[in-house]
Amino acid sequence: MFFEELSATTEENAEILKILSKRSTFAFAKKIAILTLIYHMERALPVFRSTGLEVEPLFTEDLLALEGEPGIEKVCQYYSVPKGGKQWPVDKIRELLSSGRSIGELLRK
């Protein structure tokens, strides 16, 4: 796992990761995942992919759901107010996470 914290924007983060991924230090890496919240992933994933990187989404909310009901409740409480300029469907979020499914299903159309 590598945590990049030098960038100030998503675009900078993607460019730095593109540069670092070419170094032999990271030759062992089989997959690159972006860890962020779903409301940010909606914008971040296309930015990373536009650099030519093959990246997979990893949703913070899915990890919080591993805590069980307390984690799911944290996620639902967080999304009870608009995030990223829209109101997310809290009931659907609860349904997905409670059944062990990824919140990423909300982005699949």
N, C-alpha and C. Protein backbone atom coordinates (compact mmCIF):
# COMPACT_ATOMS: atom_id res chain seq x y z
N MET A 1 0.84 -1.16 0.00
CA MET A 1 0.00 0.00 0.00
C MET A 1 0.89 1.23 0.00
N PHE A 2 0.49 2.21 -0.77
CA PHE A 2 1.23 3.45 -0.87
C PHE A 2 0.26 4.60 -0.68
N PHE A 3 0.60 5.52 0.19
CA PHE A 3 -0.25 6.66 0.49
C PHE A 3 0.46 7.91 0.00
N GLU A 4 -0.07 8.53 -1.04
CA GLU A 4 0.53 9.74 -1.62
C GLU A 4 -0.15 10.95 -1.00
N GLU A 5 0.64 11.82 -0.38
CA GLU A 5 0.05 12.98 0.28
C GLU A 5 0.72 14.30 -0.09
N LEU A 6 1.44 14.33 -1.20
CA LEU A 6 2.08 15.56 -1.64
C LEU A 6 1.17 16.42 -2.51
N SER A 7 0.24 15.79 -3.18
CA SER A 7 -0.61 16.51 -4.13
C SER A 7 -1.64 17.38 -3.41
N ALA A 8 -2.05 18.44 -4.10
CA ALA A 8 -3.08 19.34 -3.57
C ALA A 8 -4.41 19.14 -4.28
N THR A 9 -4.40 18.44 -5.41
CA THR A 9 -5.63 18.21 -6.17
C THR A 9 -5.66 16.76 -6.66
N THR A 10 -6.82 16.34 -7.09
CA THR A 10 -6.97 15.00 -7.65
C THR A 10 -6.12 14.86 -8.90
N GLU A 11 -6.08 15.90 -9.71
CA GLU A 11 -5.27 15.87 -10.94
C GLU A 11 -3.79 15.69 -10.62
N GLU A 12 -3.29 16.42 -9.63
CA GLU A 12 -1.89 16.26 -9.22
C GLU A 12 -1.65 14.86 -8.67
N ASN A 13 -2.58 14.36 -7.90
CA ASN A 13 -2.46 13.01 -7.33
C ASN A 13 -2.32 11.98 -8.44
N ALA A 14 -3.14 12.10 -9.48
CA ALA A 14 -3.08 11.17 -10.61
C ALA A 14 -1.75 11.27 -11.35
N GLU A 15 -1.28 12.48 -11.57
CA GLU A 15 -0.01 12.67 -12.29
C GLU A 15 1.18 12.13 -11.48
N ILE A 16 1.18 12.39 -10.18
CA ILE A 16 2.25 11.87 -9.33
C ILE A 16 2.24 10.35 -9.33
N LEU A 17 1.07 9.76 -9.23
CA LEU A 17 0.96 8.30 -9.25
C LEU A 17 1.44 7.73 -10.58
N LYS A 18 1.13 8.41 -11.66
CA LYS A 18 1.58 7.95 -12.98
C LYS A 18 3.11 7.92 -13.04
N ILE A 19 3.73 8.97 -12.53
CA ILE A 19 5.20 9.04 -12.51
C ILE A 19 5.78 7.94 -11.62
N LEU A 20 5.24 7.82 -10.41
CA LEU A 20 5.75 6.82 -9.47
C LEU A 20 5.56 5.40 -9.96
N SER A 21 4.46 5.15 -10.65
CA SER A 21 4.17 3.78 -11.11
C SER A 21 5.18 3.28 -12.14
N LYS A 22 5.92 4.19 -12.75
CA LYS A 22 6.94 3.81 -13.74
C LYS A 22 8.27 3.43 -13.09
N ARG A 23 8.42 3.73 -11.82
CA ARG A 23 9.68 3.43 -11.13
C ARG A 23 9.77 1.94 -10.80
N SER A 24 10.98 1.44 -10.82
CA SER A 24 11.20 0.02 -10.54
C SER A 24 10.77 -0.35 -9.12
N THR A 25 10.78 0.61 -8.23
CA THR A 25 10.34 0.39 -6.85
C THR A 25 8.92 -0.17 -6.80
N PHE A 26 8.10 0.21 -7.77
CA PHE A 26 6.71 -0.21 -7.78
C PHE A 26 6.41 -1.26 -8.84
N ALA A 27 7.46 -1.90 -9.38
CA ALA A 27 7.28 -2.91 -10.43
C ALA A 27 6.47 -4.11 -9.93
N PHE A 28 6.50 -4.37 -8.64
CA PHE A 28 5.77 -5.50 -8.07
C PHE A 28 4.26 -5.27 -8.06
N ALA A 29 3.84 -4.04 -8.17
CA ALA A 29 2.41 -3.71 -8.04
C ALA A 29 1.61 -4.33 -9.18
N LYS A 30 0.66 -5.17 -8.82
CA LYS A 30 -0.20 -5.82 -9.81
C LYS A 30 -1.43 -4.97 -10.10
N LYS A 31 -1.91 -4.28 -9.07
CA LYS A 31 -3.12 -3.48 -9.22
C LYS A 31 -2.93 -2.14 -8.53
N ILE A 32 -3.61 -1.15 -9.05
CA ILE A 32 -3.64 0.16 -8.42
C ILE A 32 -5.09 0.44 -8.06
N ALA A 33 -5.33 0.74 -6.80
CA ALA A 33 -6.67 1.07 -6.35
C ALA A 33 -6.69 2.50 -5.83
N ILE A 34 -7.79 3.16 -6.05
CA ILE A 34 -8.00 4.49 -5.50
C ILE A 34 -8.94 4.33 -4.31
N LEU A 35 -8.52 4.78 -3.14
CA LEU A 35 -9.36 4.72 -1.95
C LEU A 35 -9.91 6.11 -1.68
N THR A 36 -11.22 6.24 -1.79
CA THR A 36 -11.87 7.51 -1.48
C THR A 36 -13.35 7.26 -1.27
N LEU A 37 -14.06 8.29 -0.92
CA LEU A 37 -15.51 8.22 -0.74
C LEU A 37 -16.21 8.21 -2.08
N ILE A 38 -17.40 7.60 -2.13
CA ILE A 38 -18.11 7.46 -3.40
C ILE A 38 -18.39 8.81 -4.06
N TYR A 39 -18.73 9.82 -3.26
CA TYR A 39 -19.06 11.10 -3.89
C TYR A 39 -17.84 11.71 -4.59
N HIS A 40 -16.64 11.39 -4.12
CA HIS A 40 -15.43 11.88 -4.78
C HIS A 40 -14.98 10.92 -5.89
N MET A 41 -15.25 9.64 -5.72
CA MET A 41 -14.85 8.64 -6.71
C MET A 41 -15.48 8.93 -8.07
N GLU A 42 -16.69 9.43 -8.03
CA GLU A 42 -17.42 9.74 -9.25
C GLU A 42 -16.60 10.66 -10.16
N ARG A 43 -15.84 11.57 -9.56
CA ARG A 43 -14.99 12.48 -10.31
C ARG A 43 -13.55 11.98 -10.42
N ALA A 44 -13.05 11.36 -9.38
CA ALA A 44 -11.65 10.96 -9.33
C ALA A 44 -11.30 9.84 -10.31
N LEU A 45 -12.16 8.85 -10.43
CA LEU A 45 -11.86 7.70 -11.29
C LEU A 45 -11.58 8.12 -12.73
N PRO A 46 -12.42 8.94 -13.35
CA PRO A 46 -12.11 9.38 -14.72
C PRO A 46 -10.81 10.18 -14.82
N VAL A 47 -10.50 10.96 -13.78
CA VAL A 47 -9.25 11.74 -13.79
C VAL A 47 -8.05 10.80 -13.82
N PHE A 48 -8.06 9.79 -12.96
CA PHE A 48 -6.95 8.83 -12.92
C PHE A 48 -6.86 8.05 -14.22
N ARG A 49 -7.99 7.61 -14.73
CA ARG A 49 -7.97 6.83 -15.97
C ARG A 49 -7.54 7.67 -17.16
N SER A 50 -7.77 8.97 -17.13
CA SER A 50 -7.36 9.84 -18.24
C SER A 50 -5.85 9.95 -18.36
N THR A 51 -5.12 9.57 -17.30
CA THR A 51 -3.65 9.59 -17.35
C THR A 51 -3.09 8.31 -17.96
N GLY A 52 -3.98 7.36 -18.24
CA GLY A 52 -3.54 6.09 -18.80
C GLY A 52 -3.34 5.01 -17.74
N LEU A 53 -3.55 5.34 -16.49
CA LEU A 53 -3.40 4.36 -15.41
C LEU A 53 -4.61 3.43 -15.39
N GLU A 54 -4.34 2.15 -15.16
CA GLU A 54 -5.41 1.19 -14.96
C GLU A 54 -5.67 1.11 -13.46
N VAL A 55 -6.74 1.72 -13.05
CA VAL A 55 -7.05 1.80 -11.62
C VAL A 55 -8.42 1.20 -11.33
N GLU A 56 -8.56 0.72 -10.11
CA GLU A 56 -9.82 0.17 -9.64
C GLU A 56 -10.30 1.00 -8.45
N PRO A 57 -11.60 1.19 -8.33
CA PRO A 57 -12.12 1.93 -7.19
C PRO A 57 -12.15 1.07 -5.92
N LEU A 58 -11.81 1.67 -4.81
CA LEU A 58 -11.93 1.05 -3.50
C LEU A 58 -12.65 2.08 -2.63
N PHE A 59 -13.85 1.75 -2.21
CA PHE A 59 -14.70 2.72 -1.53
C PHE A 59 -14.51 2.67 -0.02
N THR A 60 -14.25 3.83 0.55
CA THR A 60 -14.09 3.96 2.00
C THR A 60 -15.32 3.42 2.72
N GLU A 61 -16.48 3.68 2.16
CA GLU A 61 -17.73 3.24 2.79
C GLU A 61 -17.80 1.72 2.90
N ASP A 62 -17.29 1.01 1.89
CA ASP A 62 -17.27 -0.46 1.95
C ASP A 62 -16.39 -0.95 3.10
N LEU A 63 -15.29 -0.26 3.32
CA LEU A 63 -14.40 -0.64 4.42
C LEU A 63 -15.05 -0.35 5.77
N LEU A 64 -15.73 0.79 5.88
CA LEU A 64 -16.43 1.10 7.13
C LEU A 64 -17.53 0.09 7.42
N ALA A 65 -18.16 -0.42 6.37
CA ALA A 65 -19.23 -1.41 6.55
C ALA A 65 -18.71 -2.71 7.15
N LEU A 66 -17.41 -2.96 7.04
CA LEU A 66 -16.83 -4.16 7.65
C LEU A 66 -16.93 -4.13 9.17
N GLU A 67 -17.16 -2.93 9.74
CA GLU A 67 -17.36 -2.79 11.19
C GLU A 67 -18.74 -3.27 11.61
N GLY A 68 -19.58 -3.62 10.64
CA GLY A 68 -20.95 -4.04 10.95
C GLY A 68 -21.88 -2.84 11.06
N GLU A 69 -22.92 -2.99 11.83
CA GLU A 69 -23.95 -1.95 11.94
C GLU A 69 -23.39 -0.59 12.37
N PRO A 70 -22.44 -0.52 13.31
CA PRO A 70 -21.90 0.80 13.67
C PRO A 70 -21.24 1.51 12.48
N GLY A 71 -20.51 0.78 11.67
CA GLY A 71 -19.87 1.38 10.50
C GLY A 71 -20.88 1.80 9.45
N ILE A 72 -21.88 0.97 9.24
CA ILE A 72 -22.93 1.29 8.27
C ILE A 72 -23.69 2.54 8.72
N GLU A 73 -23.94 2.63 10.01
CA GLU A 73 -24.64 3.80 10.55
C GLU A 73 -23.82 5.07 10.36
N LYS A 74 -22.50 4.98 10.54
CA LYS A 74 -21.62 6.14 10.30
C LYS A 74 -21.77 6.63 8.86
N VAL A 75 -21.75 5.68 7.92
CA VAL A 75 -21.86 6.02 6.50
C VAL A 75 -23.22 6.67 6.23
N CYS A 76 -24.28 6.08 6.73
CA CYS A 76 -25.62 6.61 6.47
C CYS A 76 -25.80 8.00 7.09
N GLN A 77 -25.26 8.18 8.28
CA GLN A 77 -25.32 9.50 8.92
C GLN A 77 -24.57 10.53 8.08
N TYR A 78 -23.41 10.16 7.58
CA TYR A 78 -22.60 11.07 6.76
C TYR A 78 -23.36 11.50 5.52
N TYR A 79 -24.06 10.57 4.89
CA TYR A 79 -24.78 10.87 3.65
C TYR A 79 -26.21 11.36 3.89
N SER A 80 -26.57 11.64 5.13
CA SER A 80 -27.90 12.18 5.41
C SER A 80 -28.04 13.62 4.95
N VAL A 81 -26.92 14.25 4.64
CA VAL A 81 -26.92 15.59 4.04
C VAL A 81 -26.19 15.49 2.70
N PRO A 82 -26.47 16.39 1.77
CA PRO A 82 -25.84 16.31 0.44
C PRO A 82 -24.31 16.30 0.50
N LYS A 83 -23.72 15.52 -0.38
CA LYS A 83 -22.27 15.43 -0.55
C LYS A 83 -21.97 15.49 -2.04
N GLY A 84 -20.96 16.25 -2.41
CA GLY A 84 -20.58 16.33 -3.81
C GLY A 84 -21.67 16.97 -4.67
N GLY A 85 -22.45 17.84 -4.06
CA GLY A 85 -23.47 18.56 -4.81
C GLY A 85 -24.76 17.79 -5.05
N LYS A 86 -24.93 16.64 -4.38
CA LYS A 86 -26.19 15.92 -4.54
C LYS A 86 -26.54 15.14 -3.28
N GLN A 87 -27.81 14.83 -3.19
CA GLN A 87 -28.28 14.01 -2.07
C GLN A 87 -28.19 12.54 -2.47
N TRP A 88 -27.45 11.77 -1.71
CA TRP A 88 -27.28 10.35 -2.00
C TRP A 88 -28.41 9.57 -1.34
N PRO A 89 -28.84 8.45 -1.94
CA PRO A 89 -29.97 7.67 -1.41
C PRO A 89 -29.57 6.83 -0.19
N VAL A 90 -29.80 7.38 0.98
CA VAL A 90 -29.36 6.74 2.22
C VAL A 90 -29.98 5.35 2.39
N ASP A 91 -31.25 5.20 2.05
CA ASP A 91 -31.89 3.88 2.19
C ASP A 91 -31.21 2.84 1.30
N LYS A 92 -30.86 3.22 0.09
CA LYS A 92 -30.17 2.31 -0.84
C LYS A 92 -28.76 2.01 -0.33
N ILE A 93 -28.09 3.02 0.20
CA ILE A 93 -26.75 2.83 0.77
C ILE A 93 -26.82 1.80 1.90
N ARG A 94 -27.79 1.97 2.79
CA ARG A 94 -27.95 1.04 3.91
C ARG A 94 -28.23 -0.37 3.40
N GLU A 95 -29.10 -0.48 2.40
CA GLU A 95 -29.44 -1.79 1.82
C GLU A 95 -28.21 -2.47 1.23
N LEU A 96 -27.44 -1.73 0.44
CA LEU A 96 -26.25 -2.31 -0.19
C LEU A 96 -25.24 -2.78 0.86
N LEU A 97 -24.90 -1.89 1.78
CA LEU A 97 -23.86 -2.21 2.76
C LEU A 97 -24.31 -3.30 3.73
N SER A 98 -25.58 -3.30 4.11
CA SER A 98 -26.09 -4.32 5.03
C SER A 98 -26.10 -5.71 4.41
N SER A 99 -26.19 -5.76 3.08
CA SER A 99 -26.22 -7.06 2.40
C SER A 99 -24.83 -7.47 1.89
N GLY A 100 -23.80 -6.71 2.30
CA GLY A 100 -22.44 -7.06 1.92
C GLY A 100 -22.07 -6.68 0.50
N ARG A 101 -22.88 -5.84 -0.11
CA ARG A 101 -22.60 -5.39 -1.47
C ARG A 101 -21.88 -4.05 -1.43
N SER A 102 -21.24 -3.70 -2.53
CA SER A 102 -20.45 -2.47 -2.60
C SER A 102 -21.33 -1.26 -2.86
N ILE A 103 -20.99 -0.18 -2.20
CA ILE A 103 -21.66 1.09 -2.45
C ILE A 103 -21.40 1.55 -3.89
N GLY A 104 -20.37 1.00 -4.50
CA GLY A 104 -20.04 1.32 -5.89
C GLY A 104 -21.16 1.00 -6.87
N GLU A 105 -22.08 0.13 -6.46
CA GLU A 105 -23.22 -0.18 -7.33
C GLU A 105 -24.04 1.07 -7.65
N LEU A 106 -23.95 2.08 -6.81
CA LEU A 106 -24.67 3.33 -7.07
C LEU A 106 -24.11 4.08 -8.27
N LEU A 107 -22.86 3.81 -8.63
CA LEU A 107 -22.25 4.48 -9.78
C LEU A 107 -22.47 3.73 -11.08
N ARG A 108 -22.85 2.47 -10.98
CA ARG A 108 -23.08 1.67 -12.19
C ARG A 108 -24.46 1.97 -12.73
N LYS A 109 -24.49 2.31 -13.98
CA LYS A 109 -25.78 2.67 -14.58
C LYS A 109 -26.17 1.68 -15.62
